[in-house]
Amino acid sequence: MRSFHPNSLDLAIIGVYFAATILVGWLFRRKAHSTSDFIHAARTLPTAVTTIAFVAANCGALEIVGIVSASAKYGAKTLHFYWIGAIPAMLFLSLCMMPIYMRSRALTVPEFLKFRFNESTRTLNIVCSGIMMVLVSGISLYALAQVLRTFLGWSFTQTTLSAAAIVFVYVSLGGLTATMYNEVIQFALIVLGLLPLVFFILHDFHGMAGLASHLDPAMRHTWVGLPLVNPHASPMDVAGVSMGLGFVLSFGYWCTDFVLIQRALAARTTAGVLNTPLFAAFVKLLFPALVVLPGLAAAVFFSAKSGFRYDQALPALMMRYYGHGLLGFGITAILASLMSGLAGNINALTTIWTHDIYRASLAPDKSERHYVLIGRFSTLIAILLSIATAYLALSFSNIMDYLQLLFSLFNAPVLATFLLGMFTMWATPKAGFWGLLLGTLSSIAHNLAYRMHWIHYGSDMSANFYGAILAFTSCLAITALLSFFTAAKSRDELADLTCWTATHQGIRIPRTALSLAFIAIVLCISLSVLFR
């Protein structure tokens, strides 16, 4: 990797981006005078904006730095995070779960759990979601520090304070609306910043075939060479990928993550709410070209080097291929992705605190101005917590391993709770709480046993997959068992909260949506077979 230092043009491009994000927050500040506008933006935005924001909210440290890093470590197997680990779940969310979210009239994911189960279940979900979002925000700040240290030589403290200050300004000024419009800008920058890198790599290796020929044979395929069940020796196996990633982790993330659901519910029309994850699925089909391919090139160039951290793969590639000006644009693309993920989680934390805790329990009868001020103050607290948790990410050489660990701990059990809550009438409030609690604790205990070397896996990722399976099945079994011994809610109490208790004709799924979902599945299967 050659040494490279950005010049004034590169720094000017980065400065313009930072200024633009603050400007968007300032422009939308007048529309953030009520709690509905500031923290929900419910039914106010065009479908195009909510769709891009939906994708961009996922394009933070998880998508850009994380996937490039994981591709450099695991090879083409990282494609599983898209074609089995995203598309099916996004389609299920669009066609099956969003209609129930809309009918319930819940403004947040924890609020739905309160309606369907009870206050205790909501409180537990708030605690788990809050911890996870603070930790994910810390990952974004950590990745920012890695990028700017590589490019600019900034210290960790300089980076985190600068990025946190900018995110605080535009989130506190414009709320969710400003955050989502900034995500549209950030997504455009991400695509434009990564496209030249893909072109240079393909040109350098004379196409995909040339790149594949330089890879270790084990890194060239997605399914070929994977054992059926061998979690203790193989980095990945078919059972772990199919059940752990393809079902539990992917559905747990895409179908219950508050940051994503919040963006879909902001669409102006009912069709827009349903179409947001559906349209986003087509973007996810093609996105691996921008992130997996550079990761494979990084595996060729850098992974054998002593002391190389996988999270440095994308900055290292840009320093190898980009010149002045284009380098500044590439840095801006990475910063946009990381700040997008950070801002999304900060805004979600603000919403959960202001709407689900402060307004619901601590101060229910205050003015709208009061709640907006509390929301802005809680944004500052969320930023400070994120800075503190950024240090935890330093112990992981691959942030995708860390992210999937968090999802296995917190998203996997809540998926079982949501599926039983939405698609059965017999799951009881007490069973929902204890199932969620014990499912979460089982995953924590499993990870502790792995860290203490009491059980062994072929990789951190395989441990995450099987930990997610354990958490999901534990929550499902405990909730189902306890439901036989505790009282369920009546049909009237469950009105509009399950697929069986709609009080009116319900929300009809347009034929065009079904057709698009079928096309997406066919493309997903075709790509999986092509790159098997």
Protein backbone atom coordinates (compact mmCIF):
# COMPACT_ATOMS: atom_id res chain seq x y z
CA MET A 1 0.00 0.00 0.00
CA ARG A 2 1.56 3.26 -1.07
CA SER A 3 1.77 6.24 1.23
CA PHE A 4 -0.67 8.98 0.34
CA HIS A 5 -1.65 12.25 1.97
CA PRO A 6 -4.77 14.19 0.92
CA ASN A 7 -4.09 17.65 -0.43
CA SER A 8 -6.20 20.80 -0.15
CA LEU A 9 -8.61 19.61 -2.88
CA ASP A 10 -9.33 16.37 -1.03
CA LEU A 11 -9.86 18.23 2.24
CA ALA A 12 -12.12 20.77 0.50
CA ILE A 13 -14.37 17.96 -0.80
CA ILE A 14 -14.67 16.50 2.69
CA GLY A 15 -15.38 19.98 4.12
CA VAL A 16 -18.15 20.61 1.57
CA TYR A 17 -19.82 17.34 2.54
CA PHE A 18 -19.73 18.17 6.25
CA ALA A 19 -21.16 21.63 5.54
CA ALA A 20 -23.93 20.16 3.36
CA THR A 21 -25.10 17.80 6.11
CA ILE A 22 -25.36 20.68 8.57
CA LEU A 23 -27.18 22.80 5.98
CA VAL A 24 -29.83 20.10 5.51
CA GLY A 25 -30.44 20.03 9.26
CA TRP A 26 -30.76 23.82 9.34
CA LEU A 27 -33.20 23.88 6.40
CA PHE A 28 -35.52 21.34 8.05
CA ARG A 29 -35.40 22.84 11.51
CA ARG A 30 -38.70 24.72 10.93
CA LYS A 31 -40.47 21.41 10.32
CA ALA A 32 -39.35 19.94 13.63
CA HIS A 33 -41.53 21.81 16.11
CA SER A 34 -43.70 18.87 17.20
CA THR A 35 -42.69 15.46 18.48
CA SER A 36 -44.43 13.84 15.51
CA ASP A 37 -42.30 15.84 13.06
CA PHE A 38 -39.08 15.64 15.08
CA ILE A 39 -38.94 11.94 16.02
CA HIS A 40 -41.45 10.14 13.77
CA ALA A 41 -42.08 12.02 10.49
CA ALA A 42 -44.94 9.52 10.10
CA ARG A 43 -46.71 9.57 6.72
CA THR A 44 -44.94 12.73 5.52
CA LEU A 45 -42.26 11.70 3.00
CA PRO A 46 -42.24 10.49 -0.64
CA THR A 47 -41.63 6.78 -1.24
CA ALA A 48 -38.41 7.52 -3.14
CA VAL A 49 -36.96 9.25 -0.06
CA THR A 50 -38.06 6.52 2.38
CA THR A 51 -36.73 3.77 0.09
CA ILE A 52 -33.28 5.34 -0.28
CA ALA A 53 -33.19 6.18 3.44
CA PHE A 54 -34.18 2.57 4.21
CA VAL A 55 -31.20 1.30 2.22
CA ALA A 56 -28.88 4.05 3.45
CA ALA A 57 -29.70 3.29 7.09
CA ASN A 58 -28.19 -0.14 6.46
CA CYS A 59 -25.23 1.32 4.52
CA GLY A 60 -23.30 2.39 7.56
CA ALA A 61 -20.39 0.57 9.12
CA LEU A 62 -22.32 -2.67 8.56
CA GLU A 63 -22.58 -2.30 4.80
CA ILE A 64 -19.49 -0.47 3.55
CA VAL A 65 -16.50 -0.96 5.83
CA GLY A 66 -18.01 -4.11 7.39
CA ILE A 67 -18.81 -6.01 4.19
CA VAL A 68 -15.51 -5.07 2.52
CA SER A 69 -13.76 -6.23 5.68
CA ALA A 70 -15.73 -9.49 5.83
CA SER A 71 -15.11 -10.16 2.12
CA ALA A 72 -11.38 -9.78 2.66
CA LYS A 73 -11.60 -12.31 5.50
CA TYR A 74 -14.20 -14.82 4.27
CA GLY A 75 -14.16 -14.31 0.48
CA ALA A 76 -17.21 -14.77 -1.77
CA LYS A 77 -19.14 -16.37 1.11
CA THR A 78 -19.93 -12.81 2.17
CA LEU A 79 -22.48 -12.75 -0.69
CA HIS A 80 -24.69 -14.78 1.66
CA PHE A 81 -25.33 -11.55 3.59
CA TYR A 82 -27.29 -10.34 0.54
CA TRP A 83 -28.94 -13.13 -1.43
CA ILE A 84 -29.92 -15.30 1.51
CA GLY A 85 -29.34 -12.88 4.37
CA ALA A 86 -31.35 -9.86 3.18
CA ILE A 87 -33.70 -10.25 0.19
CA PRO A 88 -36.12 -12.89 1.58
CA ALA A 89 -36.45 -11.01 4.88
CA MET A 90 -37.08 -7.67 3.13
CA LEU A 91 -39.84 -9.21 1.02
CA PHE A 92 -41.42 -10.83 4.10
CA LEU A 93 -41.35 -7.48 5.88
CA SER A 94 -43.03 -5.75 2.95
CA LEU A 95 -45.79 -8.28 2.29
CA CYS A 96 -46.48 -9.80 5.70
CA MET A 97 -45.32 -7.61 8.58
CA MET A 98 -45.71 -3.99 7.41
CA PRO A 99 -49.51 -4.36 7.05
CA ILE A 100 -49.70 -5.42 10.72
CA TYR A 101 -47.38 -2.60 11.83
CA MET A 102 -49.64 -0.12 10.03
CA ARG A 103 -52.91 -1.53 11.39
CA SER A 104 -51.58 -1.52 14.95
CA ARG A 105 -51.01 2.28 14.78
CA ALA A 106 -47.86 1.81 16.86
CA LEU A 107 -45.33 4.55 16.23
CA THR A 108 -42.33 2.52 17.43
CA VAL A 109 -41.35 -1.15 17.59
CA PRO A 110 -41.40 -1.21 21.45
CA GLU A 111 -44.86 0.37 21.37
CA PHE A 112 -46.14 -2.52 19.24
CA LEU A 113 -44.84 -4.99 21.84
CA LYS A 114 -46.72 -3.07 24.51
CA PHE A 115 -49.97 -3.29 22.53
CA ARG A 116 -49.52 -6.99 21.68
CA PHE A 117 -48.04 -8.21 24.97
CA ASN A 118 -47.60 -5.85 27.93
CA GLU A 119 -45.58 -3.00 29.40
CA SER A 120 -42.91 -5.34 30.78
CA THR A 121 -42.17 -6.75 27.32
CA ARG A 122 -41.90 -3.25 25.91
CA THR A 123 -39.53 -2.17 28.69
CA LEU A 124 -37.30 -5.20 28.13
CA ASN A 125 -37.20 -4.49 24.39
CA ILE A 126 -36.36 -0.83 25.05
CA VAL A 127 -33.42 -1.83 27.24
CA CYS A 128 -32.09 -4.38 24.73
CA SER A 129 -32.64 -2.10 21.72
CA GLY A 130 -31.06 0.85 23.49
CA ILE A 131 -27.94 -1.14 24.40
CA MET A 132 -27.62 -2.48 20.86
CA MET A 133 -28.09 0.91 19.18
CA VAL A 134 -25.51 2.55 21.44
CA LEU A 135 -23.04 -0.22 20.61
CA VAL A 136 -23.76 -0.03 16.86
CA SER A 137 -23.30 3.75 17.00
CA GLY A 138 -19.97 3.14 18.70
CA ILE A 139 -18.99 0.86 15.81
CA SER A 140 -19.68 3.67 13.35
CA LEU A 141 -17.49 6.06 15.34
CA TYR A 142 -14.76 3.45 15.61
CA ALA A 143 -14.84 2.88 11.84
CA LEU A 144 -14.70 6.65 11.28
CA ALA A 145 -11.62 6.79 13.48
CA GLN A 146 -9.99 4.00 11.47
CA VAL A 147 -10.69 5.75 8.16
CA LEU A 148 -9.54 9.22 9.16
CA ARG A 149 -6.49 7.88 10.95
CA THR A 150 -5.49 6.04 7.77
CA PHE A 151 -6.11 9.01 5.48
CA LEU A 152 -5.47 12.09 7.60
CA GLY A 153 -3.48 10.84 10.57
CA TRP A 154 -6.13 12.07 13.02
CA SER A 155 -6.24 10.62 16.50
CA PHE A 156 -9.22 8.64 17.77
CA THR A 157 -10.34 11.54 19.96
CA GLN A 158 -10.14 14.10 17.13
CA THR A 159 -12.16 11.88 14.81
CA THR A 160 -14.91 10.88 17.20
CA LEU A 161 -15.47 14.37 18.55
CA SER A 162 -15.59 15.93 15.06
CA ALA A 163 -17.99 13.36 13.59
CA ALA A 164 -20.15 13.29 16.71
CA ALA A 165 -20.46 17.08 16.72
CA ILE A 166 -21.61 17.19 13.08
CA VAL A 167 -24.17 14.41 13.56
CA PHE A 168 -25.46 16.08 16.72
CA VAL A 169 -25.98 19.39 14.93
CA TYR A 170 -28.05 18.12 12.01
CA VAL A 171 -30.02 15.48 13.97
CA SER A 172 -30.88 17.90 16.78
CA LEU A 173 -31.87 20.64 14.32
CA GLY A 174 -34.02 18.74 11.85
CA GLY A 175 -34.87 15.47 13.57
CA LEU A 176 -35.84 12.39 11.57
CA THR A 177 -36.75 14.33 8.41
CA ALA A 178 -33.30 15.93 8.19
CA THR A 179 -31.67 12.59 9.00
CA MET A 180 -33.52 10.84 6.16
CA TYR A 181 -32.84 13.53 3.56
CA ASN A 182 -29.19 13.45 4.56
CA GLU A 183 -29.31 9.69 4.07
CA VAL A 184 -30.43 10.26 0.47
CA ILE A 185 -27.40 12.50 -0.12
CA GLN A 186 -25.14 10.05 1.66
CA PHE A 187 -26.35 7.10 -0.41
CA ALA A 188 -25.67 8.97 -3.66
CA LEU A 189 -22.15 9.78 -2.43
CA ILE A 190 -21.56 6.16 -1.43
CA VAL A 191 -22.46 4.86 -4.89
CA LEU A 192 -20.50 7.54 -6.76
CA GLY A 193 -17.50 7.15 -4.48
CA LEU A 194 -17.27 3.36 -4.86
CA LEU A 195 -18.02 2.97 -8.58
CA PRO A 196 -14.56 4.16 -9.75
CA LEU A 197 -12.93 1.70 -7.34
CA VAL A 198 -14.87 -1.19 -8.87
CA PHE A 199 -13.86 -0.03 -12.36
CA PHE A 200 -10.16 0.19 -11.46
CA ILE A 201 -10.16 -3.24 -9.80
CA LEU A 202 -11.85 -4.95 -12.77
CA HIS A 203 -9.47 -3.19 -15.14
CA ASP A 204 -6.45 -4.19 -13.05
CA PHE A 205 -7.44 -7.88 -12.89
CA HIS A 206 -8.92 -8.01 -16.43
CA GLY A 207 -12.41 -8.83 -15.18
CA MET A 208 -14.00 -11.05 -12.53
CA ALA A 209 -12.35 -14.19 -13.86
CA GLY A 210 -8.91 -12.66 -13.41
CA LEU A 211 -9.71 -11.59 -9.85
CA ALA A 212 -11.07 -15.05 -8.99
CA SER A 213 -7.91 -16.70 -10.34
CA HIS A 214 -5.81 -14.81 -7.76
CA LEU A 215 -7.97 -15.92 -4.82
CA ASP A 216 -7.50 -18.96 -2.67
CA PRO A 217 -9.92 -21.66 -3.98
CA ALA A 218 -11.82 -21.65 -0.68
CA MET A 219 -12.64 -17.94 -1.14
CA ARG A 220 -14.03 -18.16 -4.69
CA HIS A 221 -17.40 -19.76 -3.97
CA THR A 222 -20.47 -19.20 -1.83
CA TRP A 223 -21.80 -22.77 -1.43
CA VAL A 224 -19.18 -25.02 -3.03
CA GLY A 225 -16.94 -26.47 -0.34
CA LEU A 226 -19.25 -25.62 2.58
CA PRO A 227 -19.82 -28.67 4.82
CA LEU A 228 -23.41 -29.46 5.71
CA VAL A 229 -22.90 -29.26 9.48
CA ASN A 230 -19.43 -28.64 10.89
CA PRO A 231 -19.52 -25.49 13.02
CA HIS A 232 -16.59 -26.43 15.25
CA ALA A 233 -14.02 -26.73 12.46
CA SER A 234 -15.31 -24.85 9.40
CA PRO A 235 -15.51 -21.03 9.25
CA MET A 236 -19.08 -21.46 7.91
CA ASP A 237 -21.38 -24.40 7.17
CA VAL A 238 -24.66 -24.86 5.31
CA ALA A 239 -26.76 -25.21 8.46
CA GLY A 240 -25.33 -22.09 10.07
CA VAL A 241 -25.64 -20.00 6.92
CA SER A 242 -29.15 -21.19 6.07
CA MET A 243 -30.78 -21.12 9.49
CA GLY A 244 -28.54 -18.75 11.45
CA LEU A 245 -27.97 -16.09 8.79
CA GLY A 246 -30.64 -16.78 6.19
CA PHE A 247 -33.49 -16.93 8.67
CA VAL A 248 -32.78 -15.83 12.24
CA LEU A 249 -30.27 -13.02 11.81
CA SER A 250 -31.64 -11.64 8.54
CA PHE A 251 -35.32 -11.71 9.54
CA GLY A 252 -34.43 -10.52 13.04
CA TYR A 253 -32.65 -7.49 11.59
CA TRP A 254 -34.80 -6.51 8.59
CA CYS A 255 -38.20 -7.27 10.17
CA THR A 256 -37.78 -5.91 13.71
CA ASP A 257 -35.00 -3.30 13.60
CA PHE A 258 -36.50 -0.02 14.76
CA VAL A 259 -34.27 2.16 12.56
CA LEU A 260 -35.56 0.43 9.40
CA ILE A 261 -39.23 0.20 10.43
CA GLN A 262 -39.17 3.90 11.33
CA ARG A 263 -38.16 4.80 7.77
CA ALA A 264 -40.81 2.64 6.12
CA LEU A 265 -43.55 4.11 8.32
CA ALA A 266 -42.51 7.62 7.28
CA ALA A 267 -43.82 7.02 3.74
CA ARG A 268 -46.70 9.29 2.77
CA THR A 269 -49.08 6.57 1.52
CA THR A 270 -50.02 3.03 2.46
CA ALA A 271 -48.58 1.77 -0.82
CA GLY A 272 -45.39 3.70 -0.06
CA VAL A 273 -45.03 1.99 3.33
CA LEU A 274 -45.36 -1.45 1.70
CA ASN A 275 -43.13 -0.58 -1.24
CA THR A 276 -40.27 0.91 0.76
CA PRO A 277 -38.65 -2.43 1.75
CA LEU A 278 -39.79 -4.00 -1.55
CA PHE A 279 -38.03 -1.42 -3.75
CA ALA A 280 -35.03 -1.47 -1.41
CA ALA A 281 -34.68 -5.22 -2.03
CA PHE A 282 -33.82 -4.60 -5.69
CA VAL A 283 -31.09 -2.18 -4.64
CA LYS A 284 -29.68 -4.82 -2.27
CA LEU A 285 -29.55 -7.35 -5.11
CA LEU A 286 -26.98 -5.25 -6.96
CA PHE A 287 -25.10 -3.67 -4.07
CA PRO A 288 -22.55 -6.52 -3.62
CA ALA A 289 -20.76 -5.30 -6.75
CA LEU A 290 -19.76 -2.17 -4.83
CA VAL A 291 -18.55 -3.82 -1.62
CA VAL A 292 -17.88 -7.54 -2.00
CA LEU A 293 -15.72 -7.14 -5.11
CA PRO A 294 -13.37 -4.61 -3.44
CA GLY A 295 -13.16 -6.92 -0.44
CA LEU A 296 -12.00 -9.79 -2.66
CA ALA A 297 -9.33 -7.52 -4.18
CA ALA A 298 -8.20 -6.57 -0.67
CA ALA A 299 -7.81 -10.28 0.13
CA VAL A 300 -5.38 -10.54 -2.79
CA PHE A 301 -3.38 -7.41 -1.96
CA PHE A 302 -3.28 -7.06 1.81
CA SER A 303 -4.62 -9.95 3.92
CA ALA A 304 -1.29 -11.83 3.95
CA LYS A 305 0.57 -8.79 5.28
CA SER A 306 1.63 -8.90 8.90
CA GLY A 307 -0.40 -6.63 11.18
CA PHE A 308 -3.09 -5.92 8.58
CA ARG A 309 -6.53 -5.23 10.08
CA TYR A 310 -9.43 -6.25 7.87
CA ASP A 311 -11.25 -3.02 8.72
CA GLN A 312 -8.49 -1.11 6.90
CA ALA A 313 -9.25 -2.89 3.60
CA LEU A 314 -11.40 -0.21 1.97
CA PRO A 315 -9.19 2.79 2.88
CA ALA A 316 -6.14 0.81 1.77
CA LEU A 317 -7.71 0.08 -1.63
CA MET A 318 -8.63 3.72 -2.18
CA MET A 319 -5.10 4.83 -1.34
CA ARG A 320 -3.84 2.29 -3.86
CA TYR A 321 -6.10 3.31 -6.76
CA TYR A 322 -7.30 6.88 -6.22
CA GLY A 323 -5.44 10.10 -6.98
CA HIS A 324 -6.04 13.58 -5.58
CA GLY A 325 -9.62 14.76 -5.92
CA LEU A 326 -10.95 11.28 -6.46
CA LEU A 327 -9.37 10.25 -3.17
CA GLY A 328 -11.20 13.06 -1.40
CA PHE A 329 -14.42 11.89 -3.01
CA GLY A 330 -13.72 8.30 -1.91
CA ILE A 331 -13.03 9.39 1.66
CA THR A 332 -16.29 11.33 1.60
CA ALA A 333 -18.16 8.21 0.42
CA ILE A 334 -16.85 6.22 3.39
CA LEU A 335 -17.59 9.05 5.80
CA ALA A 336 -21.10 9.36 4.37
CA SER A 337 -21.77 5.66 4.95
CA LEU A 338 -20.48 5.75 8.51
CA MET A 339 -22.26 8.96 9.45
CA SER A 340 -25.47 7.61 7.93
CA GLY A 341 -25.39 4.59 10.22
CA LEU A 342 -24.42 6.72 13.21
CA ALA A 343 -27.16 9.29 12.65
CA GLY A 344 -29.82 6.60 12.13
CA ASN A 345 -29.06 4.93 15.43
CA ILE A 346 -28.74 8.23 17.30
CA ASN A 347 -32.16 9.33 16.02
CA ALA A 348 -33.66 5.96 16.95
CA LEU A 349 -32.25 6.23 20.48
CA THR A 350 -33.74 9.71 20.76
CA THR A 351 -37.14 8.41 19.65
CA ILE A 352 -37.16 5.49 22.06
CA TRP A 353 -36.22 7.67 25.02
CA THR A 354 -38.55 10.58 24.21
CA HIS A 355 -41.60 8.62 23.01
CA ASP A 356 -41.42 5.24 24.76
CA ILE A 357 -39.94 6.23 28.11
CA TYR A 358 -40.12 9.94 28.90
CA ARG A 359 -43.48 10.80 27.34
CA ALA A 360 -45.12 7.44 28.06
CA SER A 361 -44.09 7.05 31.70
CA LEU A 362 -42.16 9.96 33.21
CA ALA A 363 -43.91 13.12 31.94
CA PRO A 364 -47.04 12.28 29.93
CA ASP A 365 -48.75 15.70 29.87
CA LYS A 366 -46.13 18.20 28.77
CA SER A 367 -46.19 20.55 25.78
CA GLU A 368 -44.92 19.65 22.31
CA ARG A 369 -42.11 22.18 22.69
CA HIS A 370 -41.03 20.46 25.90
CA TYR A 371 -40.80 17.04 24.22
CA VAL A 372 -38.80 18.44 21.30
CA LEU A 373 -36.32 20.00 23.75
CA ILE A 374 -36.05 16.66 25.57
CA GLY A 375 -35.48 14.96 22.22
CA ARG A 376 -32.64 17.33 21.38
CA PHE A 377 -31.07 16.90 24.80
CA SER A 378 -31.31 13.11 24.54
CA THR A 379 -29.55 13.33 21.16
CA LEU A 380 -26.54 14.78 22.96
CA ILE A 381 -26.61 12.02 25.59
CA ALA A 382 -26.84 9.36 22.86
CA ILE A 383 -23.82 10.86 21.11
CA LEU A 384 -21.77 10.79 24.32
CA LEU A 385 -22.73 7.15 24.97
CA SER A 386 -21.69 6.27 21.42
CA ILE A 387 -18.28 7.80 21.93
CA ALA A 388 -17.82 5.70 25.08
CA THR A 389 -18.79 2.43 23.36
CA ALA A 390 -16.57 3.07 20.33
CA TYR A 391 -13.64 1.76 22.38
CA LEU A 392 -15.27 -1.70 22.61
CA ALA A 393 -14.92 -2.18 18.85
CA LEU A 394 -11.11 -1.95 19.16
CA SER A 395 -11.00 -5.57 20.38
CA PHE A 396 -12.39 -6.90 17.07
CA SER A 397 -10.32 -7.13 13.87
CA ASN A 398 -13.53 -7.41 11.80
CA ILE A 399 -16.51 -5.21 12.63
CA MET A 400 -18.90 -7.50 10.73
CA ASP A 401 -18.14 -10.23 13.30
CA TYR A 402 -18.92 -7.72 16.05
CA LEU A 403 -22.15 -6.55 14.42
CA GLN A 404 -23.46 -10.07 13.87
CA LEU A 405 -22.62 -10.82 17.50
CA LEU A 406 -24.82 -7.92 18.61
CA PHE A 407 -27.64 -9.04 16.31
CA SER A 408 -27.40 -12.61 17.64
CA LEU A 409 -27.68 -11.32 21.21
CA PHE A 410 -30.56 -8.87 20.77
CA ASN A 411 -32.35 -9.28 17.41
CA ALA A 412 -32.58 -13.08 17.27
CA PRO A 413 -34.82 -13.58 20.33
CA VAL A 414 -37.05 -10.61 19.52
CA LEU A 415 -37.77 -12.16 16.10
CA ALA A 416 -39.40 -15.16 17.81
CA THR A 417 -41.45 -12.80 19.99
CA PHE A 418 -42.66 -10.83 16.97
CA LEU A 419 -43.52 -13.90 14.88
CA LEU A 420 -45.57 -15.41 17.70
CA GLY A 421 -47.12 -12.03 18.46
CA MET A 422 -48.13 -11.21 14.91
CA PHE A 423 -49.10 -14.63 13.59
CA THR A 424 -50.74 -16.33 16.59
CA MET A 425 -53.49 -15.34 19.00
CA TRP A 426 -52.44 -17.74 21.76
CA ALA A 427 -49.06 -16.20 22.70
CA THR A 428 -49.67 -14.63 26.11
CA PRO A 429 -48.28 -11.40 27.62
CA LYS A 430 -46.35 -13.13 30.44
CA ALA A 431 -44.97 -15.75 28.08
CA GLY A 432 -43.85 -13.04 25.68
CA PHE A 433 -41.83 -11.31 28.39
CA TRP A 434 -40.18 -14.42 29.85
CA GLY A 435 -39.49 -15.90 26.43
CA LEU A 436 -37.75 -12.72 25.30
CA LEU A 437 -35.75 -12.42 28.53
CA LEU A 438 -34.59 -16.04 28.69
CA GLY A 439 -33.92 -16.17 24.95
CA THR A 440 -31.63 -13.15 25.27
CA LEU A 441 -29.88 -14.60 28.31
CA SER A 442 -29.31 -17.92 26.51
CA SER A 443 -27.50 -16.12 23.69
CA ILE A 444 -25.39 -14.12 26.16
CA ALA A 445 -24.47 -17.34 28.00
CA HIS A 446 -23.57 -19.03 24.70
CA ASN A 447 -21.26 -16.18 23.70
CA LEU A 448 -19.66 -16.14 27.14
CA ALA A 449 -18.97 -19.88 26.85
CA TYR A 450 -17.36 -19.29 23.45
CA ARG A 451 -15.20 -16.41 24.71
CA MET A 452 -14.07 -18.55 27.68
CA HIS A 453 -13.19 -21.39 25.25
CA TRP A 454 -15.66 -23.77 26.86
CA ILE A 455 -17.11 -24.40 23.40
CA HIS A 456 -15.31 -24.02 20.09
CA TYR A 457 -16.26 -22.84 16.60
CA GLY A 458 -14.42 -22.59 13.31
CA SER A 459 -14.80 -18.78 13.30
CA ASP A 460 -16.39 -15.91 15.19
CA MET A 461 -19.04 -15.72 12.47
CA SER A 462 -20.02 -19.36 12.88
CA ALA A 463 -20.35 -18.78 16.63
CA ASN A 464 -22.67 -15.85 15.89
CA PHE A 465 -24.84 -17.94 13.55
CA TYR A 466 -25.32 -20.73 16.06
CA GLY A 467 -25.77 -18.30 18.94
CA ALA A 468 -28.61 -16.69 16.98
CA ILE A 469 -30.22 -20.10 16.36
CA LEU A 470 -30.02 -20.88 20.09
CA ALA A 471 -31.54 -17.52 21.09
CA PHE A 472 -34.39 -17.83 18.59
CA THR A 473 -35.32 -21.41 19.42
CA SER A 474 -35.06 -20.78 23.16
CA CYS A 475 -37.37 -17.77 22.98
CA LEU A 476 -39.80 -19.60 20.69
CA ALA A 477 -39.97 -22.73 22.85
CA ILE A 478 -40.23 -20.90 26.20
CA THR A 479 -42.91 -18.50 24.92
CA ALA A 480 -44.94 -21.38 23.43
CA LEU A 481 -44.63 -23.50 26.58
CA LEU A 482 -45.55 -20.74 29.02
CA SER A 483 -48.49 -19.70 26.86
CA PHE A 484 -50.23 -22.96 27.83
CA PHE A 485 -50.12 -21.98 31.50
CA THR A 486 -50.86 -18.23 31.39
CA ALA A 487 -53.81 -16.15 30.28
CA ALA A 488 -53.98 -14.89 26.69
CA LYS A 489 -55.53 -11.61 25.57
CA SER A 490 -59.05 -11.62 24.18
CA ARG A 491 -59.80 -11.20 20.49
CA ASP A 492 -61.00 -7.64 21.16
CA GLU A 493 -57.73 -6.78 22.92
CA LEU A 494 -55.81 -8.14 19.93
CA ALA A 495 -57.77 -6.15 17.36
CA ASP A 496 -55.46 -5.14 14.47
CA LEU A 497 -52.42 -6.59 16.26
CA THR A 498 -52.26 -9.99 14.54
CA CYS A 499 -52.88 -11.26 11.04
CA TRP A 500 -56.07 -12.96 12.33
CA THR A 501 -57.72 -10.02 14.11
CA ALA A 502 -58.14 -7.23 11.55
CA THR A 503 -61.24 -5.19 12.43
CA HIS A 504 -61.89 -4.23 8.80
CA GLN A 505 -61.13 -5.57 5.35
CA GLY A 506 -57.46 -4.99 5.97
CA ILE A 507 -54.61 -3.65 3.88
CA ARG A 508 -54.61 -5.28 0.47
CA ILE A 509 -51.30 -6.15 -1.14
CA PRO A 510 -51.27 -4.81 -4.74
CA ARG A 511 -50.67 -7.35 -7.50
CA THR A 512 -47.73 -5.29 -8.70
CA ALA A 513 -46.08 -5.74 -5.30
CA LEU A 514 -46.57 -9.51 -5.48
CA SER A 515 -45.15 -9.55 -9.01
CA LEU A 516 -42.12 -7.52 -7.98
CA ALA A 517 -41.53 -9.80 -5.00
CA PHE A 518 -41.62 -12.84 -7.29
CA ILE A 519 -39.12 -11.22 -9.67
CA ALA A 520 -36.81 -10.39 -6.75
CA ILE A 521 -36.88 -13.98 -5.50
CA VAL A 522 -36.14 -15.36 -8.97
CA LEU A 523 -33.19 -12.98 -9.36
CA CYS A 524 -31.96 -13.83 -5.89
CA ILE A 525 -32.00 -17.57 -6.59
CA SER A 526 -30.41 -17.08 -10.01
CA LEU A 527 -27.52 -15.05 -8.60
CA SER A 528 -26.98 -17.56 -5.80
CA VAL A 529 -26.74 -20.40 -8.33
CA LEU A 530 -24.50 -18.38 -10.66
CA PHE A 531 -21.96 -17.60 -7.94
CA ARG A 532 -22.32 -20.86 -6.03
